[in-house]
C-alpha atoms as a PDB file:
ATOM      1  CA  MET A   1      17.740   0.073   2.442  1.00  0.00           C
ATOM      2  CA  ALA A   2      14.725  -2.214   2.450  1.00  0.00           C
ATOM      3  CA  GLY A   3      11.119  -1.094   2.418  1.00  0.00           C
ATOM      4  CA  LYS A   4       9.006  -0.639   5.526  1.00  0.00           C
ATOM      5  CA  PHE A   5       5.419  -0.391   6.631  1.00  0.00           C
ATOM      6  CA  GLU A   6       4.633   2.566   8.843  1.00  0.00           C
ATOM      7  CA  LEU A   7       1.670   2.024  11.156  1.00  0.00           C
ATOM      8  CA  TYR A   8       0.315   5.251  12.611  1.00  0.00           C
ATOM      9  CA  GLU A   9      -2.756   6.899  14.109  1.00  0.00           C
ATOM     10  CA  ASP A  10      -4.253   9.782  12.111  1.00  0.00           C
ATOM     11  CA  ARG A  11      -5.848  12.961  13.471  1.00  0.00           C
ATOM     12  CA  ALA A  12      -9.290  11.327  13.425  1.00  0.00           C
ATOM     13  CA  GLY A  13      -8.035   8.544  15.711  1.00  0.00           C
ATOM     14  CA  GLU A  14      -8.001   5.893  12.976  1.00  0.00           C
ATOM     15  CA  TYR A  15      -5.118   3.504  12.400  1.00  0.00           C
ATOM     16  CA  ARG A  16      -3.464   3.646   8.993  1.00  0.00           C
ATOM     17  CA  PHE A  17      -0.469   2.184   7.259  1.00  0.00           C
ATOM     18  CA  ARG A  18       1.729   3.181   4.382  1.00  0.00           C
ATOM     19  CA  LEU A  19       4.376   1.178   2.567  1.00  0.00           C
ATOM     20  CA  LYS A  20       7.584   3.016   1.824  1.00  0.00           C
ATOM     21  CA  ALA A  21      10.255   1.891  -0.622  1.00  0.00           C
ATOM     22  CA  GLY A  22      13.896   1.766   0.442  1.00  0.00           C
ATOM     23  CA  ASN A  23      14.361   5.345  -0.766  1.00  0.00           C
ATOM     24  CA  GLY A  24      11.617   6.557   1.597  1.00  0.00           C
ATOM     25  CA  GLU A  25       9.003   7.164  -1.098  1.00  0.00           C
ATOM     26  CA  ILE A  26       5.436   6.163  -0.206  1.00  0.00           C
ATOM     27  CA  ILE A  27       4.347   3.485  -2.699  1.00  0.00           C
ATOM     28  CA  LEU A  28       1.081   2.259  -1.141  1.00  0.00           C
ATOM     29  CA  THR A  29      -1.382   3.677   1.396  1.00  0.00           C
ATOM     30  CA  GLY A  30      -4.025   1.804   3.357  1.00  0.00           C
ATOM     31  CA  GLU A  31      -7.457   2.987   4.452  1.00  0.00           C
ATOM     32  CA  GLY A  32      -8.331   4.086   7.979  1.00  0.00           C
ATOM     33  CA  TYR A  33      -9.214   1.390  10.517  1.00  0.00           C
ATOM     34  CA  LYS A  34     -10.988   1.802  13.870  1.00  0.00           C
ATOM     35  CA  GLN A  35      -8.889  -0.931  15.496  1.00  0.00           C
ATOM     36  CA  LYS A  36      -5.104  -1.294  15.421  1.00  0.00           C
ATOM     37  CA  ALA A  37      -5.460  -5.052  14.912  1.00  0.00           C
ATOM     38  CA  SER A  38      -7.478  -4.394  11.745  1.00  0.00           C
ATOM     39  CA  ALA A  39      -4.688  -2.218  10.340  1.00  0.00           C
ATOM     40  CA  GLU A  40      -2.181  -4.952  11.207  1.00  0.00           C
ATOM     41  CA  ASN A  41      -4.390  -7.448   9.334  1.00  0.00           C
ATOM     42  CA  GLY A  42      -4.367  -5.034   6.375  1.00  0.00           C
ATOM     43  CA  ILE A  43      -0.563  -5.072   6.389  1.00  0.00           C
ATOM     44  CA  ALA A  44      -0.574  -8.882   6.494  1.00  0.00           C
ATOM     45  CA  SER A  45      -2.962  -8.922   3.539  1.00  0.00           C
ATOM     46  CA  VAL A  46      -0.678  -6.592   1.568  1.00  0.00           C
ATOM     47  CA  ARG A  47       2.270  -8.911   2.277  1.00  0.00           C
ATOM     48  CA  THR A  48       0.250 -11.890   1.005  1.00  0.00           C
ATOM     49  CA  ASN A  49      -1.306 -10.272  -2.065  1.00  0.00           C
ATOM     50  CA  ALA A  50       1.496  -7.974  -3.254  1.00  0.00           C
ATOM     51  CA  PRO A  51       3.400 -10.639  -5.234  1.00  0.00           C
ATOM     52  CA  LEU A  52       0.281 -11.579  -7.253  1.00  0.00           C
ATOM     53  CA  ASP A  53      -0.094  -9.486 -10.415  1.00  0.00           C
ATOM     54  CA  THR A  54      -3.789 -10.355 -10.692  1.00  0.00           C
ATOM     55  CA  ARG A  55      -4.439  -8.457  -7.436  1.00  0.00           C
ATOM     56  CA  TYR A  56      -3.517  -5.107  -9.019  1.00  0.00           C
ATOM     57  CA  GLU A  57      -6.314  -3.002 -10.446  1.00  0.00           C
ATOM     58  CA  ARG A  58      -4.741  -0.594 -12.919  1.00  0.00           C
ATOM     59  CA  LYS A  59      -6.918   2.421 -13.670  1.00  0.00           C
ATOM     60  CA  PRO A  60      -6.945   6.198 -14.027  1.00  0.00           C
ATOM     61  CA  ASN A  61      -7.761   8.387 -11.050  1.00  0.00           C
ATOM     62  CA  ALA A  62     -10.459  11.083 -11.179  1.00  0.00           C
ATOM     63  CA  ALA A  63      -8.035  13.429 -12.960  1.00  0.00           C
ATOM     64  CA  GLY A  64      -7.179  10.777 -15.568  1.00  0.00           C
ATOM     65  CA  LYS A  65      -3.696   9.977 -14.201  1.00  0.00           C
ATOM     66  CA  PRO A  66      -2.556   6.337 -13.966  1.00  0.00           C
ATOM     67  CA  MET A  67      -2.814   4.747 -10.507  1.00  0.00           C
ATOM     68  CA  PHE A  68      -3.514   1.337  -8.995  1.00  0.00           C
ATOM     69  CA  ASN A  69      -5.300  -0.405  -6.171  1.00  0.00           C
ATOM     70  CA  LEU A  70      -4.056  -3.592  -4.544  1.00  0.00           C
ATOM     71  CA  ASN A  71      -7.015  -5.874  -3.857  1.00  0.00           C
ATOM     72  CA  ALA A  72      -7.454  -8.832  -1.521  1.00  0.00           C
ATOM     73  CA  SER A  73      -8.703 -12.162  -2.852  1.00  0.00           C
ATOM     74  CA  ASN A  74     -12.285 -11.047  -2.083  1.00  0.00           C
ATOM     75  CA  GLY A  75     -11.846  -7.950  -4.277  1.00  0.00           C
ATOM     76  CA  GLN A  76     -11.679  -5.484  -1.368  1.00  0.00           C
ATOM     77  CA  VAL A  77      -9.133  -2.675  -1.806  1.00  0.00           C
ATOM     78  CA  ILE A  78      -6.326  -3.009   0.738  1.00  0.00           C
ATOM     79  CA  GLY A  79      -3.996  -0.345  -0.616  1.00  0.00           C
ATOM     80  CA  THR A  80      -3.965   2.548  -3.055  1.00  0.00           C
ATOM     81  CA  SER A  81      -1.109   4.136  -4.968  1.00  0.00           C
ATOM     82  CA  GLU A  82      -0.360   7.733  -5.741  1.00  0.00           C
ATOM     83  CA  ALA A  83      -1.085   9.178  -9.174  1.00  0.00           C
ATOM     84  CA  TYR A  84       1.663   8.536 -11.716  1.00  0.00           C
ATOM     85  CA  SER A  85       2.849  10.567 -14.686  1.00  0.00           C
ATOM     86  CA  SER A  86       2.614   7.604 -17.083  1.00  0.00           C
ATOM     87  CA  GLU A  87       1.560   3.976 -17.324  1.00  0.00           C
ATOM     88  CA  ALA A  88       5.236   2.974 -17.321  1.00  0.00           C
ATOM     89  CA  ALA A  89       5.769   4.845 -14.046  1.00  0.00           C
ATOM     90  CA  ARG A  90       2.709   3.067 -12.601  1.00  0.00           C
ATOM     91  CA  GLU A  91       4.203  -0.308 -13.589  1.00  0.00           C
ATOM     92  CA  ASN A  92       7.419   0.684 -11.802  1.00  0.00           C
ATOM     93  CA  GLY A  93       5.309   1.481  -8.725  1.00  0.00           C
ATOM     94  CA  ILE A  94       3.653  -1.936  -8.869  1.00  0.00           C
ATOM     95  CA  ALA A  95       7.062  -3.598  -9.250  1.00  0.00           C
ATOM     96  CA  SER A  96       8.256  -1.702  -6.178  1.00  0.00           C
ATOM     97  CA  VAL A  97       5.276  -2.869  -4.101  1.00  0.00           C
ATOM     98  CA  LYS A  98       5.883  -6.453  -5.262  1.00  0.00           C
ATOM     99  CA  ALA A  99       9.562  -6.218  -4.302  1.00  0.00           C
ATOM    100  CA  ASN A 100       9.175  -4.384  -0.995  1.00  0.00           C
ATOM    101  CA  ALA A 101       5.944  -5.552   0.653  1.00  0.00           C
ATOM    102  CA  PRO A 102       6.601  -9.241   1.421  1.00  0.00           C
ATOM    103  CA  ASP A 103       9.671  -8.615   3.603  1.00  0.00           C
ATOM    104  CA  ALA A 104       9.160  -4.991   4.659  1.00  0.00           C
ATOM    105  CA  ARG A 105       9.773  -4.375   8.343  1.00  0.00           C
ATOM    106  CA  LEU A 106       7.054  -2.842  10.490  1.00  0.00           C
ATOM    107  CA  ASP A 107       7.657   0.584  12.009  1.00  0.00           C
ATOM    108  CA  ASP A 108       4.883   0.874  14.621  1.00  0.00           C
ATOM    109  CA  GLN A 109       4.526   4.573  15.363  1.00  0.00           C
ATOM    110  CA  THR A 110       1.472   4.128  17.597  1.00  0.00           C
ATOM    111  CA  ARG A 111       3.400   3.269  20.751  1.00  0.00           C
END
């Protein structure tokens, strides 16, 4: 099963997206957007930037666990990962985003 983007509206009325791998695991989460079109642009930016290793900011989270951000060409964060148990697991997460994002189908749950 291929990956998919889920586009949804949160409880605060903001539009968000998450990228799920073929196994259903969430591998990247976007920020909240006021407009649906802005969230759709965020998804397009993930598709464009995901294959580029230089767009990944590898760092520890506040608790010291490995995580990553996917950045646009202007340096703005367009997606954030979960916390991983190790740097190797984080690299597997990045590889999954690279493999899934470009061709992931869109599951629009806002309709």
